[in-house]
mmCIF file of all heavy atoms, coordinates in Angstrom:
data_MODEL
# 
_entry.id   MODEL 
# 
loop_
_atom_site.group_PDB 
_atom_site.id 
_atom_site.type_symbol 
_atom_site.label_atom_id 
_atom_site.label_alt_id 
_atom_site.label_comp_id 
_atom_site.label_asym_id 
_atom_site.label_entity_id 
_atom_site.label_seq_id 
_atom_site.pdbx_PDB_ins_code 
_atom_site.Cartn_x 
_atom_site.Cartn_y 
_atom_site.Cartn_z 
_atom_site.occupancy 
_atom_site.B_iso_or_equiv 
_atom_site.pdbx_formal_charge 
_atom_site.auth_seq_id 
_atom_site.auth_comp_id 
_atom_site.auth_asym_id 
_atom_site.auth_atom_id 
_atom_site.pdbx_PDB_model_num 
ATOM 1   N N   . SER A 1 1  ? -17.899 152.720 45.635 1.00 0.00 ? 1  SER A N   1 
ATOM 2   C CA  . SER A 1 1  ? -17.583 151.625 44.605 1.00 0.00 ? 1  SER A CA  1 
ATOM 3   C C   . SER A 1 1  ? -18.082 151.990 43.318 1.00 0.00 ? 1  SER A C   1 
ATOM 4   O O   . SER A 1 1  ? -19.267 152.537 43.185 1.00 0.00 ? 1  SER A O   1 
ATOM 5   C CB  . SER A 1 1  ? -18.174 150.321 45.242 1.00 0.00 ? 1  SER A CB  1 
ATOM 6   O OG  . SER A 1 1  ? -17.580 149.931 46.343 1.00 0.00 ? 1  SER A OG  1 
ATOM 7   N N   . THR A 1 2  ? -17.385 151.668 42.316 1.00 0.00 ? 2  THR A N   1 
ATOM 8   C CA  . THR A 1 2  ? -17.782 152.144 41.056 1.00 0.00 ? 2  THR A CA  1 
ATOM 9   C C   . THR A 1 2  ? -17.846 150.941 39.993 1.00 0.00 ? 2  THR A C   1 
ATOM 10  O O   . THR A 1 2  ? -17.262 149.837 40.328 1.00 0.00 ? 2  THR A O   1 
ATOM 11  C CB  . THR A 1 2  ? -16.754 153.092 40.349 1.00 0.00 ? 2  THR A CB  1 
ATOM 12  O OG1 . THR A 1 2  ? -15.484 152.640 40.316 1.00 0.00 ? 2  THR A OG1 1 
ATOM 13  C CG2 . THR A 1 2  ? -16.824 154.364 41.183 1.00 0.00 ? 2  THR A CG2 1 
ATOM 14  N N   . ARG A 1 3  ? -18.641 150.968 38.959 1.00 0.00 ? 3  ARG A N   1 
ATOM 15  C CA  . ARG A 1 3  ? -18.682 150.029 37.912 1.00 0.00 ? 3  ARG A CA  1 
ATOM 16  C C   . ARG A 1 3  ? -18.831 150.654 36.695 1.00 0.00 ? 3  ARG A C   1 
ATOM 17  O O   . ARG A 1 3  ? -19.530 151.749 36.538 1.00 0.00 ? 3  ARG A O   1 
ATOM 18  C CB  . ARG A 1 3  ? -19.991 149.163 38.207 1.00 0.00 ? 3  ARG A CB  1 
ATOM 19  C CG  . ARG A 1 3  ? -20.038 148.045 37.214 1.00 0.00 ? 3  ARG A CG  1 
ATOM 20  C CD  . ARG A 1 3  ? -19.289 146.848 37.575 1.00 0.00 ? 3  ARG A CD  1 
ATOM 21  N NE  . ARG A 1 3  ? -19.651 145.697 36.850 1.00 0.00 ? 3  ARG A NE  1 
ATOM 22  C CZ  . ARG A 1 3  ? -20.450 144.703 37.108 1.00 0.00 ? 3  ARG A CZ  1 
ATOM 23  N NH1 . ARG A 1 3  ? -21.048 144.726 38.332 1.00 0.00 ? 3  ARG A NH1 1 
ATOM 24  N NH2 . ARG A 1 3  ? -20.686 143.638 36.231 1.00 0.00 ? 3  ARG A NH2 1 
ATOM 25  N N   . TYR A 1 4  ? -18.138 150.153 35.497 1.00 0.00 ? 4  TYR A N   1 
ATOM 26  C CA  . TYR A 1 4  ? -18.050 150.783 34.271 1.00 0.00 ? 4  TYR A CA  1 
ATOM 27  C C   . TYR A 1 4  ? -18.467 149.834 33.176 1.00 0.00 ? 4  TYR A C   1 
ATOM 28  O O   . TYR A 1 4  ? -18.092 148.603 33.197 1.00 0.00 ? 4  TYR A O   1 
ATOM 29  C CB  . TYR A 1 4  ? -16.740 151.447 34.011 1.00 0.00 ? 4  TYR A CB  1 
ATOM 30  C CG  . TYR A 1 4  ? -16.346 152.537 34.909 1.00 0.00 ? 4  TYR A CG  1 
ATOM 31  C CD1 . TYR A 1 4  ? -15.650 152.281 35.992 1.00 0.00 ? 4  TYR A CD1 1 
ATOM 32  C CD2 . TYR A 1 4  ? -16.718 153.786 34.637 1.00 0.00 ? 4  TYR A CD2 1 
ATOM 33  C CE1 . TYR A 1 4  ? -15.183 153.209 36.842 1.00 0.00 ? 4  TYR A CE1 1 
ATOM 34  C CE2 . TYR A 1 4  ? -16.393 154.831 35.467 1.00 0.00 ? 4  TYR A CE2 1 
ATOM 35  C CZ  . TYR A 1 4  ? -15.578 154.565 36.627 1.00 0.00 ? 4  TYR A CZ  1 
ATOM 36  O OH  . TYR A 1 4  ? -15.304 155.647 37.499 1.00 0.00 ? 4  TYR A OH  1 
ATOM 37  N N   . ALA A 1 5  ? -19.051 150.272 32.129 1.00 0.00 ? 5  ALA A N   1 
ATOM 38  C CA  . ALA A 1 5  ? -19.152 149.538 30.927 1.00 0.00 ? 5  ALA A CA  1 
ATOM 39  C C   . ALA A 1 5  ? -17.765 149.449 30.322 1.00 0.00 ? 5  ALA A C   1 
ATOM 40  O O   . ALA A 1 5  ? -16.959 150.284 30.365 1.00 0.00 ? 5  ALA A O   1 
ATOM 41  C CB  . ALA A 1 5  ? -20.121 150.157 30.016 1.00 0.00 ? 5  ALA A CB  1 
ATOM 42  N N   . ASP A 1 6  ? -17.588 148.323 29.655 1.00 0.00 ? 6  ASP A N   1 
ATOM 43  C CA  . ASP A 1 6  ? -16.301 148.098 28.964 1.00 0.00 ? 6  ASP A CA  1 
ATOM 44  C C   . ASP A 1 6  ? -15.946 149.176 27.995 1.00 0.00 ? 6  ASP A C   1 
ATOM 45  O O   . ASP A 1 6  ? -14.837 149.532 27.734 1.00 0.00 ? 6  ASP A O   1 
ATOM 46  C CB  . ASP A 1 6  ? -16.255 146.717 28.396 1.00 0.00 ? 6  ASP A CB  1 
ATOM 47  C CG  . ASP A 1 6  ? -16.168 145.589 29.322 1.00 0.00 ? 6  ASP A CG  1 
ATOM 48  O OD1 . ASP A 1 6  ? -15.893 145.824 30.469 1.00 0.00 ? 6  ASP A OD1 1 
ATOM 49  O OD2 . ASP A 1 6  ? -16.522 144.488 28.850 1.00 0.00 ? 6  ASP A OD2 1 
ATOM 50  N N   . SER A 1 7  ? -16.912 149.712 27.355 1.00 0.00 ? 7  SER A N   1 
ATOM 51  C CA  . SER A 1 7  ? -16.817 150.631 26.249 1.00 0.00 ? 7  SER A CA  1 
ATOM 52  C C   . SER A 1 7  ? -16.191 151.980 26.713 1.00 0.00 ? 7  SER A C   1 
ATOM 53  O O   . SER A 1 7  ? -15.601 152.697 25.972 1.00 0.00 ? 7  SER A O   1 
ATOM 54  C CB  . SER A 1 7  ? -18.049 150.948 25.437 1.00 0.00 ? 7  SER A CB  1 
ATOM 55  O OG  . SER A 1 7  ? -18.953 151.333 26.357 1.00 0.00 ? 7  SER A OG  1 
ATOM 56  N N   . VAL A 1 8  ? -16.333 152.213 28.018 1.00 0.00 ? 8  VAL A N   1 
ATOM 57  C CA  . VAL A 1 8  ? -15.865 153.545 28.601 1.00 0.00 ? 8  VAL A CA  1 
ATOM 58  C C   . VAL A 1 8  ? -14.744 153.347 29.573 1.00 0.00 ? 8  VAL A C   1 
ATOM 59  O O   . VAL A 1 8  ? -14.188 154.362 30.109 1.00 0.00 ? 8  VAL A O   1 
ATOM 60  C CB  . VAL A 1 8  ? -17.076 154.349 29.185 1.00 0.00 ? 8  VAL A CB  1 
ATOM 61  C CG1 . VAL A 1 8  ? -18.146 154.563 28.125 1.00 0.00 ? 8  VAL A CG1 1 
ATOM 62  C CG2 . VAL A 1 8  ? -17.635 153.650 30.422 1.00 0.00 ? 8  VAL A CG2 1 
ATOM 63  N N   . LYS A 1 9  ? -14.439 152.110 29.971 1.00 0.00 ? 9  LYS A N   1 
ATOM 64  C CA  . LYS A 1 9  ? -13.441 151.924 30.956 1.00 0.00 ? 9  LYS A CA  1 
ATOM 65  C C   . LYS A 1 9  ? -12.084 152.433 30.605 1.00 0.00 ? 9  LYS A C   1 
ATOM 66  O O   . LYS A 1 9  ? -11.642 152.220 29.416 1.00 0.00 ? 9  LYS A O   1 
ATOM 67  C CB  . LYS A 1 9  ? -13.301 150.374 31.129 1.00 0.00 ? 9  LYS A CB  1 
ATOM 68  C CG  . LYS A 1 9  ? -12.704 150.001 32.532 1.00 0.00 ? 9  LYS A CG  1 
ATOM 69  C CD  . LYS A 1 9  ? -12.930 148.543 32.796 1.00 0.00 ? 9  LYS A CD  1 
ATOM 70  C CE  . LYS A 1 9  ? -14.318 148.089 32.862 1.00 0.00 ? 9  LYS A CE  1 
ATOM 71  N NZ  . LYS A 1 9  ? -14.558 146.592 33.142 1.00 0.00 ? 9  LYS A NZ  1 
ATOM 72  N N   . GLY A 1 10 ? -11.649 153.191 31.523 1.00 0.00 ? 10 GLY A N   1 
ATOM 73  C CA  . GLY A 1 10 ? -10.287 153.801 31.246 1.00 0.00 ? 10 GLY A CA  1 
ATOM 74  C C   . GLY A 1 10 ? -10.300 155.279 30.670 1.00 0.00 ? 10 GLY A C   1 
ATOM 75  O O   . GLY A 1 10 ? -9.410  156.008 30.690 1.00 0.00 ? 10 GLY A O   1 
ATOM 76  N N   . ARG A 1 11 ? -11.512 155.552 30.151 1.00 0.00 ? 11 ARG A N   1 
ATOM 77  C CA  . ARG A 1 11 ? -11.820 156.891 29.624 1.00 0.00 ? 11 ARG A CA  1 
ATOM 78  C C   . ARG A 1 11 ? -12.715 157.788 30.504 1.00 0.00 ? 11 ARG A C   1 
ATOM 79  O O   . ARG A 1 11 ? -12.559 159.018 30.618 1.00 0.00 ? 11 ARG A O   1 
ATOM 80  C CB  . ARG A 1 11 ? -12.439 156.831 28.292 1.00 0.00 ? 11 ARG A CB  1 
ATOM 81  C CG  . ARG A 1 11 ? -11.492 156.104 27.263 1.00 0.00 ? 11 ARG A CG  1 
ATOM 82  C CD  . ARG A 1 11 ? -11.992 156.196 25.835 1.00 0.00 ? 11 ARG A CD  1 
ATOM 83  N NE  . ARG A 1 11 ? -13.327 155.617 25.685 1.00 0.00 ? 11 ARG A NE  1 
ATOM 84  C CZ  . ARG A 1 11 ? -14.428 156.291 25.239 1.00 0.00 ? 11 ARG A CZ  1 
ATOM 85  N NH1 . ARG A 1 11 ? -14.332 157.572 24.991 1.00 0.00 ? 11 ARG A NH1 1 
ATOM 86  N NH2 . ARG A 1 11 ? -15.635 155.614 25.239 1.00 0.00 ? 11 ARG A NH2 1 
ATOM 87  N N   . PHE A 1 12 ? -13.710 157.125 31.156 1.00 0.00 ? 12 PHE A N   1 
ATOM 88  C CA  . PHE A 1 12 ? -14.736 157.814 31.834 1.00 0.00 ? 12 PHE A CA  1 
ATOM 89  C C   . PHE A 1 12 ? -14.491 157.530 33.464 1.00 0.00 ? 12 PHE A C   1 
ATOM 90  O O   . PHE A 1 12 ? -14.094 156.445 33.652 1.00 0.00 ? 12 PHE A O   1 
ATOM 91  C CB  . PHE A 1 12 ? -16.154 157.375 31.594 1.00 0.00 ? 12 PHE A CB  1 
ATOM 92  C CG  . PHE A 1 12 ? -16.618 157.867 30.209 1.00 0.00 ? 12 PHE A CG  1 
ATOM 93  C CD1 . PHE A 1 12 ? -15.803 158.380 29.230 1.00 0.00 ? 12 PHE A CD1 1 
ATOM 94  C CD2 . PHE A 1 12 ? -17.962 157.661 29.802 1.00 0.00 ? 12 PHE A CD2 1 
ATOM 95  C CE1 . PHE A 1 12 ? -16.220 158.795 27.968 1.00 0.00 ? 12 PHE A CE1 1 
ATOM 96  C CE2 . PHE A 1 12 ? -18.372 158.020 28.653 1.00 0.00 ? 12 PHE A CE2 1 
ATOM 97  C CZ  . PHE A 1 12 ? -17.537 158.588 27.719 1.00 0.00 ? 12 PHE A CZ  1 
ATOM 98  N N   . ALA A 1 13 ? -14.881 158.456 34.246 1.00 0.00 ? 13 ALA A N   1 
ATOM 99  C CA  . ALA A 1 13 ? -14.770 158.359 35.644 1.00 0.00 ? 13 ALA A CA  1 
ATOM 100 C C   . ALA A 1 13 ? -16.025 158.839 36.396 1.00 0.00 ? 13 ALA A C   1 
ATOM 101 O O   . ALA A 1 13 ? -16.293 160.048 36.114 1.00 0.00 ? 13 ALA A O   1 
ATOM 102 C CB  . ALA A 1 13 ? -13.474 158.978 36.192 1.00 0.00 ? 13 ALA A CB  1 
ATOM 103 N N   . ILE A 1 14 ? -16.691 158.079 37.092 1.00 0.00 ? 14 ILE A N   1 
ATOM 104 C CA  . ILE A 1 14 ? -17.812 158.488 37.940 1.00 0.00 ? 14 ILE A CA  1 
ATOM 105 C C   . ILE A 1 14 ? -17.379 158.819 39.358 1.00 0.00 ? 14 ILE A C   1 
ATOM 106 O O   . ILE A 1 14 ? -16.622 158.094 39.897 1.00 0.00 ? 14 ILE A O   1 
ATOM 107 C CB  . ILE A 1 14 ? -19.094 157.432 37.853 1.00 0.00 ? 14 ILE A CB  1 
ATOM 108 C CG1 . ILE A 1 14 ? -20.267 157.990 38.425 1.00 0.00 ? 14 ILE A CG1 1 
ATOM 109 C CG2 . ILE A 1 14 ? -18.494 156.186 38.530 1.00 0.00 ? 14 ILE A CG2 1 
ATOM 110 C CD1 . ILE A 1 14 ? -21.495 157.068 38.200 1.00 0.00 ? 14 ILE A CD1 1 
ATOM 111 N N   . SER A 1 15 ? -18.001 159.746 39.841 1.00 0.00 ? 15 SER A N   1 
ATOM 112 C CA  . SER A 1 15 ? -17.728 160.129 41.264 1.00 0.00 ? 15 SER A CA  1 
ATOM 113 C C   . SER A 1 15 ? -18.976 160.757 41.963 1.00 0.00 ? 15 SER A C   1 
ATOM 114 O O   . SER A 1 15 ? -19.875 161.036 41.310 1.00 0.00 ? 15 SER A O   1 
ATOM 115 C CB  . SER A 1 15 ? -16.571 161.025 41.321 1.00 0.00 ? 15 SER A CB  1 
ATOM 116 O OG  . SER A 1 15 ? -16.753 162.222 40.655 1.00 0.00 ? 15 SER A OG  1 
ATOM 117 N N   . ARG A 1 16 ? -19.006 160.811 43.222 1.00 0.00 ? 16 ARG A N   1 
ATOM 118 C CA  . ARG A 1 16 ? -20.124 161.411 43.873 1.00 0.00 ? 16 ARG A CA  1 
ATOM 119 C C   . ARG A 1 16 ? -19.599 162.357 44.991 1.00 0.00 ? 16 ARG A C   1 
ATOM 120 O O   . ARG A 1 16 ? -18.685 162.039 45.637 1.00 0.00 ? 16 ARG A O   1 
ATOM 121 C CB  . ARG A 1 16 ? -21.157 160.264 44.381 1.00 0.00 ? 16 ARG A CB  1 
ATOM 122 C CG  . ARG A 1 16 ? -20.861 159.849 45.787 1.00 0.00 ? 16 ARG A CG  1 
ATOM 123 C CD  . ARG A 1 16 ? -19.574 158.899 45.954 1.00 0.00 ? 16 ARG A CD  1 
ATOM 124 N NE  . ARG A 1 16 ? -19.622 158.170 47.226 1.00 0.00 ? 16 ARG A NE  1 
ATOM 125 C CZ  . ARG A 1 16 ? -18.614 158.106 48.052 1.00 0.00 ? 16 ARG A CZ  1 
ATOM 126 N NH1 . ARG A 1 16 ? -17.412 158.733 47.697 1.00 0.00 ? 16 ARG A NH1 1 
ATOM 127 N NH2 . ARG A 1 16 ? -18.690 157.488 49.145 1.00 0.00 ? 16 ARG A NH2 1 
ATOM 128 N N   . ASP A 1 17 ? -20.416 163.335 45.330 1.00 0.00 ? 17 ASP A N   1 
ATOM 129 C CA  . ASP A 1 17 ? -20.233 164.178 46.430 1.00 0.00 ? 17 ASP A CA  1 
ATOM 130 C C   . ASP A 1 17 ? -21.425 164.111 47.366 1.00 0.00 ? 17 ASP A C   1 
ATOM 131 O O   . ASP A 1 17 ? -22.507 164.625 46.983 1.00 0.00 ? 17 ASP A O   1 
ATOM 132 C CB  . ASP A 1 17 ? -19.996 165.626 45.898 1.00 0.00 ? 17 ASP A CB  1 
ATOM 133 C CG  . ASP A 1 17 ? -19.694 166.740 46.978 1.00 0.00 ? 17 ASP A CG  1 
ATOM 134 O OD1 . ASP A 1 17 ? -20.086 166.482 48.128 1.00 0.00 ? 17 ASP A OD1 1 
ATOM 135 O OD2 . ASP A 1 17 ? -18.953 167.474 46.674 1.00 0.00 ? 17 ASP A OD2 1 
ATOM 136 N N   . ASN A 1 18 ? -21.262 163.524 48.469 1.00 0.00 ? 18 ASN A N   1 
ATOM 137 C CA  . ASN A 1 18 ? -22.383 163.253 49.258 1.00 0.00 ? 18 ASN A CA  1 
ATOM 138 C C   . ASN A 1 18 ? -22.963 164.483 50.009 1.00 0.00 ? 18 ASN A C   1 
ATOM 139 O O   . ASN A 1 18 ? -24.232 164.533 50.349 1.00 0.00 ? 18 ASN A O   1 
ATOM 140 C CB  . ASN A 1 18 ? -21.990 162.198 50.304 1.00 0.00 ? 18 ASN A CB  1 
ATOM 141 C CG  . ASN A 1 18 ? -21.871 160.794 49.787 1.00 0.00 ? 18 ASN A CG  1 
ATOM 142 O OD1 . ASN A 1 18 ? -21.046 160.620 48.769 1.00 0.00 ? 18 ASN A OD1 1 
ATOM 143 N ND2 . ASN A 1 18 ? -22.557 159.824 50.259 1.00 0.00 ? 18 ASN A ND2 1 
ATOM 144 N N   . VAL A 1 19 ? -22.066 165.479 50.073 1.00 0.00 ? 19 VAL A N   1 
ATOM 145 C CA  . VAL A 1 19 ? -22.514 166.713 50.748 1.00 0.00 ? 19 VAL A CA  1 
ATOM 146 C C   . VAL A 1 19 ? -23.329 167.574 49.691 1.00 0.00 ? 19 VAL A C   1 
ATOM 147 O O   . VAL A 1 19 ? -24.445 168.127 50.162 1.00 0.00 ? 19 VAL A O   1 
ATOM 148 C CB  . VAL A 1 19 ? -21.301 167.570 51.176 1.00 0.00 ? 19 VAL A CB  1 
ATOM 149 C CG1 . VAL A 1 19 ? -21.799 168.904 51.746 1.00 0.00 ? 19 VAL A CG1 1 
ATOM 150 C CG2 . VAL A 1 19 ? -20.485 166.873 52.174 1.00 0.00 ? 19 VAL A CG2 1 
ATOM 151 N N   . LYS A 1 20 ? -22.930 167.624 48.544 1.00 0.00 ? 20 LYS A N   1 
ATOM 152 C CA  . LYS A 1 20 ? -23.677 168.253 47.449 1.00 0.00 ? 20 LYS A CA  1 
ATOM 153 C C   . LYS A 1 20 ? -24.794 167.469 46.926 1.00 0.00 ? 20 LYS A C   1 
ATOM 154 O O   . LYS A 1 20 ? -25.545 167.891 46.036 1.00 0.00 ? 20 LYS A O   1 
ATOM 155 C CB  . LYS A 1 20 ? -22.722 168.854 46.344 1.00 0.00 ? 20 LYS A CB  1 
ATOM 156 C CG  . LYS A 1 20 ? -21.820 169.852 46.835 1.00 0.00 ? 20 LYS A CG  1 
ATOM 157 C CD  . LYS A 1 20 ? -20.964 170.278 45.657 1.00 0.00 ? 20 LYS A CD  1 
ATOM 158 C CE  . LYS A 1 20 ? -19.844 171.322 46.032 1.00 0.00 ? 20 LYS A CE  1 
ATOM 159 N NZ  . LYS A 1 20 ? -19.042 171.789 44.955 1.00 0.00 ? 20 LYS A NZ  1 
ATOM 160 N N   . THR A 1 21 ? -24.847 166.136 47.197 1.00 0.00 ? 21 THR A N   1 
ATOM 161 C CA  . THR A 1 21 ? -25.679 165.162 46.675 1.00 0.00 ? 21 THR A CA  1 
ATOM 162 C C   . THR A 1 21 ? -25.677 165.316 45.177 1.00 0.00 ? 21 THR A C   1 
ATOM 163 O O   . THR A 1 21 ? -26.776 165.367 44.468 1.00 0.00 ? 21 THR A O   1 
ATOM 164 C CB  . THR A 1 21 ? -27.210 165.298 47.150 1.00 0.00 ? 21 THR A CB  1 
ATOM 165 O OG1 . THR A 1 21 ? -27.708 166.607 46.893 1.00 0.00 ? 21 THR A OG1 1 
ATOM 166 C CG2 . THR A 1 21 ? -27.181 165.073 48.678 1.00 0.00 ? 21 THR A CG2 1 
ATOM 167 N N   . THR A 1 22 ? -24.488 165.172 44.613 1.00 0.00 ? 22 THR A N   1 
ATOM 168 C CA  . THR A 1 22 ? -24.340 165.286 43.087 1.00 0.00 ? 22 THR A CA  1 
ATOM 169 C C   . THR A 1 22 ? -23.392 164.260 42.771 1.00 0.00 ? 22 THR A C   1 
ATOM 170 O O   . THR A 1 22 ? -22.485 163.948 43.407 1.00 0.00 ? 22 THR A O   1 
ATOM 171 C CB  . THR A 1 22 ? -23.809 166.624 42.773 1.00 0.00 ? 22 THR A CB  1 
ATOM 172 O OG1 . THR A 1 22 ? -24.620 167.805 43.208 1.00 0.00 ? 22 THR A OG1 1 
ATOM 173 C CG2 . THR A 1 22 ? -23.531 166.804 41.350 1.00 0.00 ? 22 THR A CG2 1 
ATOM 174 N N   . VAL A 1 23 ? -23.712 163.695 41.517 1.00 0.00 ? 23 VAL A N   1 
ATOM 175 C CA  . VAL A 1 23 ? -22.886 162.696 40.896 1.00 0.00 ? 23 VAL A CA  1 
ATOM 176 C C   . VAL A 1 23 ? -22.255 163.265 39.584 1.00 0.00 ? 23 VAL A C   1 
ATOM 177 O O   . VAL A 1 23 ? -22.917 163.954 39.001 1.00 0.00 ? 23 VAL A O   1 
ATOM 178 C CB  . VAL A 1 23 ? -23.601 161.370 40.781 1.00 0.00 ? 23 VAL A CB  1 
ATOM 179 C CG1 . VAL A 1 23 ? -24.678 161.466 39.668 1.00 0.00 ? 23 VAL A CG1 1 
ATOM 180 C CG2 . VAL A 1 23 ? -22.596 160.343 40.239 1.00 0.00 ? 23 VAL A CG2 1 
ATOM 181 N N   . TYR A 1 24 ? -21.004 162.918 39.336 1.00 0.00 ? 24 TYR A N   1 
ATOM 182 C CA  . TYR A 1 24 ? -20.367 163.425 38.141 1.00 0.00 ? 24 TYR A CA  1 
ATOM 183 C C   . TYR A 1 24 ? -19.945 162.337 37.173 1.00 0.00 ? 24 TYR A C   1 
ATOM 184 O O   . TYR A 1 24 ? -19.581 161.207 37.570 1.00 0.00 ? 24 TYR A O   1 
ATOM 185 C CB  . TYR A 1 24 ? -19.097 164.341 38.568 1.00 0.00 ? 24 TYR A CB  1 
ATOM 186 C CG  . TYR A 1 24 ? -19.409 165.373 39.549 1.00 0.00 ? 24 TYR A CG  1 
ATOM 187 C CD1 . TYR A 1 24 ? -19.184 165.071 40.966 1.00 0.00 ? 24 TYR A CD1 1 
ATOM 188 C CD2 . TYR A 1 24 ? -19.957 166.576 39.185 1.00 0.00 ? 24 TYR A CD2 1 
ATOM 189 C CE1 . TYR A 1 24 ? -19.551 166.144 41.830 1.00 0.00 ? 24 TYR A CE1 1 
ATOM 190 C CE2 . TYR A 1 24 ? -20.064 167.629 40.049 1.00 0.00 ? 24 TYR A CE2 1 
ATOM 191 C CZ  . TYR A 1 24 ? -19.952 167.384 41.427 1.00 0.00 ? 24 TYR A CZ  1 
ATOM 192 O OH  . TYR A 1 24 ? -20.131 168.316 42.333 1.00 0.00 ? 24 TYR A OH  1 
ATOM 193 N N   . LEU A 1 25 ? -19.778 162.619 36.002 1.00 0.00 ? 25 LEU A N   1 
ATOM 194 C CA  . LEU A 1 25 ? -19.246 161.733 35.009 1.00 0.00 ? 25 LEU A CA  1 
ATOM 195 C C   . LEU A 1 25 ? -18.205 162.525 34.240 1.00 0.00 ? 25 LEU A C   1 
ATOM 196 O O   . LEU A 1 25 ? -18.437 163.371 33.325 1.00 0.00 ? 25 LEU A O   1 
ATOM 197 C CB  . LEU A 1 25 ? -20.339 161.203 34.041 1.00 0.00 ? 25 LEU A CB  1 
ATOM 198 C CG  . LEU A 1 25 ? -19.796 160.053 33.128 1.00 0.00 ? 25 LEU A CG  1 
ATOM 199 C CD1 . LEU A 1 25 ? -19.400 158.889 33.812 1.00 0.00 ? 25 LEU A CD1 1 
ATOM 200 C CD2 . LEU A 1 25 ? -20.878 159.842 32.046 1.00 0.00 ? 25 LEU A CD2 1 
ATOM 201 N N   . GLN A 1 26 ? -16.880 162.253 34.591 1.00 0.00 ? 26 GLN A N   1 
ATOM 202 C CA  . GLN A 1 26 ? -15.844 162.930 33.765 1.00 0.00 ? 26 GLN A CA  1 
ATOM 203 C C   . GLN A 1 26 ? -15.510 162.067 32.602 1.00 0.00 ? 26 GLN A C   1 
ATOM 204 O O   . GLN A 1 26 ? -15.145 160.794 32.650 1.00 0.00 ? 26 GLN A O   1 
ATOM 205 C CB  . GLN A 1 26 ? -14.593 162.914 34.701 1.00 0.00 ? 26 GLN A CB  1 
ATOM 206 C CG  . GLN A 1 26 ? -13.374 163.572 33.996 1.00 0.00 ? 26 GLN A CG  1 
ATOM 207 C CD  . GLN A 1 26 ? -13.553 164.999 33.614 1.00 0.00 ? 26 GLN A CD  1 
ATOM 208 O OE1 . GLN A 1 26 ? -13.976 165.860 34.433 1.00 0.00 ? 26 GLN A OE1 1 
ATOM 209 N NE2 . GLN A 1 26 ? -13.181 165.405 32.419 1.00 0.00 ? 26 GLN A NE2 1 
ATOM 210 N N   . MET A 1 27 ? -15.689 162.637 31.334 1.00 0.00 ? 27 MET A N   1 
ATOM 211 C CA  . MET A 1 27 ? -15.568 161.930 30.214 1.00 0.00 ? 27 MET A CA  1 
ATOM 212 C C   . MET A 1 27 ? -14.252 162.467 29.388 1.00 0.00 ? 27 MET A C   1 
ATOM 213 O O   . MET A 1 27 ? -14.155 163.609 29.138 1.00 0.00 ? 27 MET A O   1 
ATOM 214 C CB  . MET A 1 27 ? -16.720 162.010 29.311 1.00 0.00 ? 27 MET A CB  1 
ATOM 215 C CG  . MET A 1 27 ? -18.038 161.547 29.968 1.00 0.00 ? 27 MET A CG  1 
ATOM 216 S SD  . MET A 1 27 ? -19.468 161.637 28.901 1.00 0.00 ? 27 MET A SD  1 
ATOM 217 C CE  . MET A 1 27 ? -19.537 163.455 28.545 1.00 0.00 ? 27 MET A CE  1 
# 
């Protein structure tokens, strides 16, 4: 589940890889 600030909604995307234990922010 994700949550975004209004200022970045539609432009940024957060995701996570549980195997790599890494989170990403695509801007």
